[in-house]
Amino acid sequence: MKGARERVANKSIRSSQVKIAAVVVWLAATLSLAGWWLVFGLQQLSRLQAVVRAETAEEIARRHRMLMSEGLVLFALLLGGGIALLYFMVTEIRRSRQIREFFAAFTHDLKTSLASLRLQAETLEEELKGSPEHARVSRRLVKDTVRLELQLDNSLFVADTEMGQLHLDDVSVRAVVSSLRHYWPELDIRMEGECRVRADVRALESILKNLLQNAVVHGKASRVEIRSETVDGARVALELADNGRGFPGDVGDLGRIFVRHTTTSGSGIGLHIAKKLAERMGGELRLIRGDATNPQGFRARLELHGRAS
């Protein structure tokens, strides 16, 4: 993770340097063109002054002075505008870097605090198992911390200024799924077989988190089955099917940001981000109604580059 962050930071620095270099090149080219235009115009007036009659020479000299003064003003304006543009660009790049550094530190501390809060809530839940009423309250606290962590991750992806900076590696899907089980201890997550995909670990975790959270919160599911198959020899299709109550509306509308389908619906950011992350990894996420064995359930099909074992 640290190496990925360093690569993102280095690429951001290179991008800033390219922008500054582009402004410098534009400024140099513009000033060169303005200087050439001024010199060329003065040369033409000098040639005319040498061949025309004496009474016209004074008029040409006046135009010479006008051309000189206007050319110098134009040159000064271009120089001042270019320097101002370069200054404001450097200032904005510096401010943007400071904001990114602040949010990186802030979100790291916040996620650490949320993880600690969730751990304490889970410990409290274990201690209060003998009291159903108190255990229910502690369980709600655990669910709220999981929801806050997921919302924080989703917000970071939405606000991420380096949206293109995903780092694809050979990732074990079973390992990622196993790392997410503790978020929903009441959810029976079953995975058949093993497969490896070319994906960004953080992005893949976010996709699966949003799908599982959607199954638990909106589908009221108690079981999710994950199956994998090879498609066209070079892609892997992961299908997540739950035993929840499904979605009564048009599944094509799911993932449309800030569209509320019912009074209990969320903002749609989670599924929207999941679809976008799949596309950025060269894959596709499709949301499907339940199948014949579970018509009331909900299915999601995620296709990525990789291979099934």
Protein backbone atom coordinates (compact mmCIF):
# COMPACT_ATOMS: atom_id res chain seq x y z
CA MET A 1 0.00 0.00 0.00
CA LYS A 2 2.82 2.38 0.87
CA GLY A 3 4.53 1.65 -2.45
CA ALA A 4 1.27 2.32 -4.31
CA ARG A 5 0.87 5.65 -2.54
CA GLU A 6 4.43 6.62 -3.43
CA ARG A 7 3.79 5.76 -7.09
CA VAL A 8 0.63 7.88 -7.07
CA ALA A 9 2.51 10.79 -5.44
CA ASN A 10 5.37 10.52 -7.96
CA LYS A 11 2.95 10.45 -10.89
CA SER A 12 1.11 13.48 -9.48
CA ILE A 13 4.41 15.35 -9.24
CA ARG A 14 5.28 14.42 -12.82
CA SER A 15 1.84 15.59 -13.97
CA SER A 16 2.38 18.94 -12.25
CA GLN A 17 5.80 19.29 -13.86
CA VAL A 18 4.31 18.58 -17.30
CA LYS A 19 1.68 21.30 -16.77
CA ILE A 20 4.31 23.82 -15.73
CA ALA A 21 6.50 22.89 -18.69
CA ALA A 22 3.51 23.33 -21.04
CA VAL A 23 2.90 26.87 -19.70
CA VAL A 24 6.59 27.72 -20.09
CA VAL A 25 6.61 26.42 -23.69
CA TRP A 26 3.42 28.39 -24.47
CA LEU A 27 4.91 31.54 -22.96
CA ALA A 28 8.18 31.15 -24.89
CA ALA A 29 6.38 30.45 -28.19
CA THR A 30 3.98 33.38 -27.75
CA LEU A 31 6.71 35.85 -26.84
CA SER A 32 8.85 34.64 -29.73
CA LEU A 33 5.98 35.14 -32.17
CA ALA A 34 5.23 38.61 -30.79
CA GLY A 35 8.92 39.55 -30.98
CA TRP A 36 9.21 38.30 -34.55
CA TRP A 37 6.07 40.25 -35.53
CA LEU A 38 7.50 43.44 -33.99
CA VAL A 39 10.90 43.09 -35.64
CA PHE A 40 9.37 42.19 -39.01
CA GLY A 41 7.02 45.19 -38.92
CA LEU A 42 9.83 47.59 -38.05
CA GLN A 43 11.99 46.22 -40.85
CA GLN A 44 9.19 46.74 -43.39
CA LEU A 45 8.71 50.34 -42.27
CA SER A 46 12.43 51.00 -42.52
CA ARG A 47 12.49 49.73 -46.12
CA LEU A 48 9.52 51.90 -47.04
CA GLN A 49 11.13 54.95 -45.47
CA ALA A 50 14.19 54.46 -47.67
CA VAL A 51 12.29 54.46 -50.95
CA VAL A 52 9.41 56.93 -50.51
CA ARG A 53 9.43 60.67 -50.92
CA ALA A 54 10.65 62.93 -48.15
CA GLU A 55 7.20 64.34 -47.31
CA THR A 56 6.01 60.78 -46.60
CA ALA A 57 9.01 59.91 -44.44
CA GLU A 58 7.61 61.79 -41.45
CA GLU A 59 4.35 59.81 -41.65
CA ILE A 60 6.30 56.55 -41.83
CA ALA A 61 8.41 57.60 -38.84
CA ARG A 62 5.21 58.29 -36.88
CA ARG A 63 3.86 54.84 -37.73
CA HIS A 64 7.25 53.42 -36.79
CA ARG A 65 6.94 54.92 -33.31
CA MET A 66 3.31 53.73 -33.03
CA LEU A 67 4.26 50.20 -34.06
CA MET A 68 7.18 50.21 -31.63
CA SER A 69 5.06 51.41 -28.68
CA GLU A 70 2.12 49.12 -29.37
CA GLY A 71 4.43 46.15 -29.95
CA LEU A 72 6.23 46.74 -26.67
CA VAL A 73 2.90 47.03 -24.82
CA LEU A 74 1.70 43.78 -26.41
CA PHE A 75 4.98 42.11 -25.52
CA ALA A 76 4.72 43.33 -21.92
CA LEU A 77 1.10 42.16 -21.62
CA LEU A 78 1.94 38.72 -22.92
CA LEU A 79 4.92 38.45 -20.60
CA GLY A 80 2.91 39.63 -17.59
CA GLY A 81 -0.01 37.32 -18.38
CA GLY A 82 2.27 34.32 -18.85
CA ILE A 83 4.11 34.98 -15.60
CA ALA A 84 0.80 35.43 -13.75
CA LEU A 85 -0.55 32.19 -15.25
CA LEU A 86 2.59 30.33 -14.23
CA TYR A 87 2.47 31.79 -10.71
CA PHE A 88 -1.18 30.88 -10.14
CA MET A 89 -0.65 27.39 -11.54
CA VAL A 90 2.30 26.75 -9.19
CA THR A 91 0.26 28.16 -6.28
CA GLU A 92 -2.73 25.95 -7.13
CA ILE A 93 -0.55 22.85 -7.48
CA ARG A 94 1.04 23.56 -4.11
CA ARG A 95 -2.37 24.12 -2.47
CA SER A 96 -3.77 20.96 -4.07
CA ARG A 97 -0.80 18.95 -2.79
CA GLN A 98 -1.31 20.33 0.72
CA ILE A 99 -5.02 19.43 0.63
CA ARG A 100 -4.24 15.88 -0.52
CA GLU A 101 -1.66 15.47 2.23
CA PHE A 102 -4.12 16.79 4.82
CA PHE A 103 -6.91 14.45 3.72
CA ALA A 104 -4.51 11.51 3.55
CA ALA A 105 -3.47 12.08 7.17
CA PHE A 106 -7.03 12.88 8.27
CA THR A 107 -8.61 9.83 6.65
CA HIS A 108 -5.85 7.56 7.96
CA ASP A 109 -6.49 8.73 11.53
CA LEU A 110 -10.26 8.53 11.04
CA LYS A 111 -10.13 5.00 9.61
CA THR A 112 -7.85 3.92 12.46
CA SER A 113 -10.31 5.36 14.98
CA LEU A 114 -13.27 3.68 13.28
CA ALA A 115 -11.46 0.35 13.21
CA SER A 116 -10.69 0.70 16.94
CA LEU A 117 -14.32 1.65 17.63
CA ARG A 118 -15.56 -1.37 15.69
CA LEU A 119 -13.19 -3.67 17.57
CA GLN A 120 -14.38 -2.33 20.93
CA ALA A 121 -18.01 -2.65 19.85
CA GLU A 122 -17.44 -6.28 18.81
CA THR A 123 -15.76 -6.97 22.16
CA LEU A 124 -18.67 -5.34 23.96
CA GLU A 125 -21.11 -7.44 21.96
CA GLU A 126 -19.33 -10.62 23.02
CA GLU A 127 -19.46 -9.56 26.67
CA LEU A 128 -23.18 -8.69 26.51
CA LYS A 129 -24.39 -11.88 24.84
CA GLY A 130 -26.14 -12.82 28.09
CA SER A 131 -28.32 -9.71 27.84
CA PRO A 132 -30.28 -9.76 24.55
CA GLU A 133 -31.36 -6.14 24.81
CA HIS A 134 -27.84 -4.80 25.40
CA ALA A 135 -26.39 -7.17 22.82
CA ARG A 136 -28.84 -5.81 20.25
CA VAL A 137 -27.68 -2.26 20.94
CA SER A 138 -24.00 -3.22 20.67
CA ARG A 139 -24.72 -5.11 17.43
CA ARG A 140 -26.32 -1.97 16.01
CA LEU A 141 -23.21 -0.05 16.99
CA VAL A 142 -21.02 -2.54 15.12
CA LYS A 143 -23.21 -2.23 12.02
CA ASP A 144 -23.04 1.56 12.18
CA THR A 145 -19.23 1.54 12.35
CA VAL A 146 -19.08 -0.80 9.34
CA ARG A 147 -21.44 1.52 7.46
CA LEU A 148 -19.33 4.57 8.38
CA GLU A 149 -16.13 2.86 7.20
CA LEU A 150 -17.76 1.98 3.88
CA GLN A 151 -19.16 5.49 3.44
CA LEU A 152 -15.72 6.93 4.15
CA ASP A 153 -14.13 4.68 1.52
CA ASN A 154 -16.84 5.59 -1.01
CA SER A 155 -16.40 9.31 -0.30
CA LEU A 156 -12.65 9.01 -0.85
CA PHE A 157 -13.17 7.32 -4.20
CA VAL A 158 -15.65 10.04 -5.24
CA ALA A 159 -13.31 12.85 -4.15
CA ASP A 160 -10.17 11.17 -5.44
CA THR A 161 -8.39 13.58 -7.80
CA GLU A 162 -6.18 10.78 -9.14
CA MET A 163 -9.04 8.64 -10.44
CA GLY A 164 -6.82 6.98 -13.02
CA GLN A 165 -4.26 5.74 -10.53
CA LEU A 166 -5.26 2.11 -9.93
CA HIS A 167 -2.45 -0.42 -9.61
CA LEU A 168 -3.39 -3.81 -11.00
CA ASP A 169 -1.84 -6.91 -9.45
CA ASP A 170 -2.51 -10.64 -9.45
CA VAL A 171 -5.07 -10.87 -6.63
CA SER A 172 -6.60 -13.91 -4.94
CA VAL A 173 -10.36 -13.38 -4.71
CA ARG A 174 -10.71 -15.95 -1.92
CA ALA A 175 -8.16 -14.05 0.19
CA VAL A 176 -10.03 -10.78 -0.33
CA VAL A 177 -13.37 -12.39 0.56
CA SER A 178 -11.86 -13.95 3.70
CA SER A 179 -10.57 -10.55 4.81
CA LEU A 180 -14.10 -9.12 4.59
CA ARG A 181 -16.02 -11.79 6.52
CA HIS A 182 -15.56 -10.13 9.92
CA TYR A 183 -17.51 -7.07 8.76
CA TRP A 184 -20.73 -9.11 8.60
CA PRO A 185 -20.45 -12.02 11.07
CA GLU A 186 -24.19 -12.71 10.74
CA LEU A 187 -23.84 -13.15 6.94
CA ASP A 188 -23.00 -16.62 5.61
CA ILE A 189 -20.55 -15.95 2.76
CA ARG A 190 -19.81 -19.05 0.70
CA MET A 191 -17.30 -19.19 -2.13
CA GLU A 192 -16.84 -22.11 -4.48
CA GLY A 193 -13.33 -22.70 -5.81
CA GLU A 194 -10.56 -20.15 -6.17
CA CYS A 195 -9.69 -17.63 -8.83
CA ARG A 196 -7.15 -14.88 -9.38
CA VAL A 197 -7.88 -11.62 -11.14
CA ARG A 198 -5.92 -8.60 -12.35
CA ALA A 199 -7.22 -5.95 -10.01
CA ASP A 200 -6.40 -3.19 -7.58
CA VAL A 201 -6.84 -4.75 -4.12
CA ARG A 202 -8.41 -1.66 -2.58
CA ALA A 203 -10.81 -1.24 -5.51
CA LEU A 204 -11.82 -4.92 -5.48
CA GLU A 205 -12.43 -4.75 -1.73
CA SER A 206 -14.61 -1.67 -2.25
CA ILE A 207 -16.71 -3.42 -4.93
CA LEU A 208 -17.29 -6.50 -2.79
CA LYS A 209 -17.96 -4.41 0.34
CA ASN A 210 -20.65 -2.41 -1.43
CA LEU A 211 -22.30 -5.52 -2.88
CA LEU A 212 -22.29 -7.35 0.46
CA GLN A 213 -23.49 -4.28 2.35
CA ASN A 214 -26.29 -3.87 -0.19
CA ALA A 215 -27.31 -7.53 0.32
CA VAL A 216 -27.40 -7.15 4.11
CA VAL A 217 -28.95 -3.69 4.48
CA HIS A 218 -31.40 -3.52 1.56
CA GLY A 219 -31.90 -7.19 0.73
CA LYS A 220 -31.97 -8.43 4.34
CA ALA A 221 -29.99 -11.43 3.13
CA SER A 222 -28.51 -14.03 5.46
CA ARG A 223 -26.44 -15.88 2.83
CA VAL A 224 -24.37 -14.87 -0.18
CA GLU A 225 -22.88 -17.42 -2.57
CA ILE A 226 -19.91 -16.48 -4.76
CA ARG A 227 -19.21 -18.54 -7.87
CA SER A 228 -16.47 -18.05 -10.43
CA GLU A 229 -16.04 -19.16 -14.02
CA THR A 230 -13.64 -18.49 -16.86
CA VAL A 231 -14.99 -16.44 -19.76
CA ASP A 232 -13.30 -16.39 -23.19
CA GLY A 233 -10.18 -17.93 -21.66
CA ALA A 234 -8.77 -14.64 -20.37
CA ARG A 235 -11.50 -13.27 -18.12
CA VAL A 236 -13.09 -14.37 -14.87
CA ALA A 237 -16.74 -13.84 -14.01
CA LEU A 238 -17.59 -13.60 -10.32
CA GLU A 239 -21.27 -14.04 -9.57
CA LEU A 240 -22.63 -13.04 -6.18
CA ALA A 241 -26.13 -14.35 -5.40
CA ASP A 242 -27.97 -13.69 -2.14
CA ASN A 243 -31.14 -15.09 -0.59
CA GLY A 244 -32.58 -11.68 0.21
CA ARG A 245 -35.80 -10.04 -0.86
CA GLY A 246 -34.32 -8.66 -4.08
CA PHE A 247 -35.10 -5.36 -5.75
CA PRO A 248 -38.68 -4.66 -6.87
CA GLY A 249 -37.84 -1.93 -9.39
CA ASP A 250 -35.85 -1.78 -12.61
CA VAL A 251 -32.34 -3.11 -11.92
CA GLY A 252 -31.09 -0.94 -14.78
CA ASP A 253 -31.66 2.08 -12.56
CA LEU A 254 -29.42 0.73 -9.80
CA GLY A 255 -26.08 2.50 -9.60
CA ARG A 256 -27.49 5.82 -10.79
CA ILE A 257 -26.09 8.29 -8.30
CA PHE A 258 -28.49 10.17 -6.00
CA VAL A 259 -31.54 8.33 -7.37
CA ARG A 260 -33.74 7.08 -4.51
CA HIS A 261 -35.96 4.17 -5.60
CA THR A 262 -37.83 3.85 -2.30
CA THR A 263 -38.07 5.76 0.96
CA THR A 264 -35.48 3.42 2.48
CA SER A 265 -33.06 3.53 -0.46
CA GLY A 266 -29.61 4.97 -0.13
CA SER A 267 -28.01 7.58 -2.36
CA GLY A 268 -26.80 5.01 -4.90
CA ILE A 269 -23.17 6.06 -4.47
CA GLY A 270 -22.02 2.57 -3.41
CA LEU A 271 -23.21 0.71 -6.51
CA HIS A 272 -22.25 3.67 -8.72
CA ILE A 273 -18.66 3.53 -7.44
CA ALA A 274 -18.59 -0.27 -7.75
CA LYS A 275 -19.52 -0.02 -11.45
CA LYS A 276 -17.00 2.73 -12.12
CA LEU A 277 -14.18 0.85 -10.37
CA ALA A 278 -14.93 -2.28 -12.39
CA GLU A 279 -14.74 -0.25 -15.61
CA ARG A 280 -11.45 1.35 -14.57
CA MET A 281 -9.96 -2.12 -14.06
CA GLY A 282 -11.02 -3.13 -17.58
CA GLY A 283 -14.03 -5.11 -16.36
CA GLU A 284 -17.78 -4.83 -16.01
CA LEU A 285 -20.30 -5.08 -13.18
CA ARG A 286 -23.86 -6.09 -14.01
CA LEU A 287 -26.76 -6.21 -11.57
CA ILE A 288 -29.32 -8.97 -12.21
CA ARG A 289 -32.57 -10.19 -10.70
CA GLY A 290 -32.65 -13.49 -8.83
CA ASP A 291 -32.57 -16.73 -10.80
CA ALA A 292 -35.09 -19.59 -10.99
CA THR A 293 -33.83 -21.15 -7.76
CA ASN A 294 -34.26 -17.88 -5.89
CA PRO A 295 -36.52 -15.49 -7.83
CA GLN A 296 -36.70 -13.06 -4.91
CA GLY A 297 -32.93 -12.82 -4.51
CA PHE A 298 -30.40 -10.52 -6.10
CA ARG A 299 -27.38 -11.25 -8.24
CA ALA A 300 -24.34 -9.28 -9.31
CA ARG A 301 -21.92 -10.40 -12.02
CA LEU A 302 -18.40 -8.96 -11.99
CA GLU A 303 -16.10 -9.69 -14.94
CA LEU A 304 -12.37 -8.97 -14.71
CA HIS A 305 -9.20 -10.13 -16.43
CA GLY A 306 -7.73 -13.20 -14.76
CA ARG A 307 -8.15 -16.94 -14.49
CA ALA A 308 -10.11 -19.42 -12.39
CA SER A 309 -8.35 -22.24 -10.56
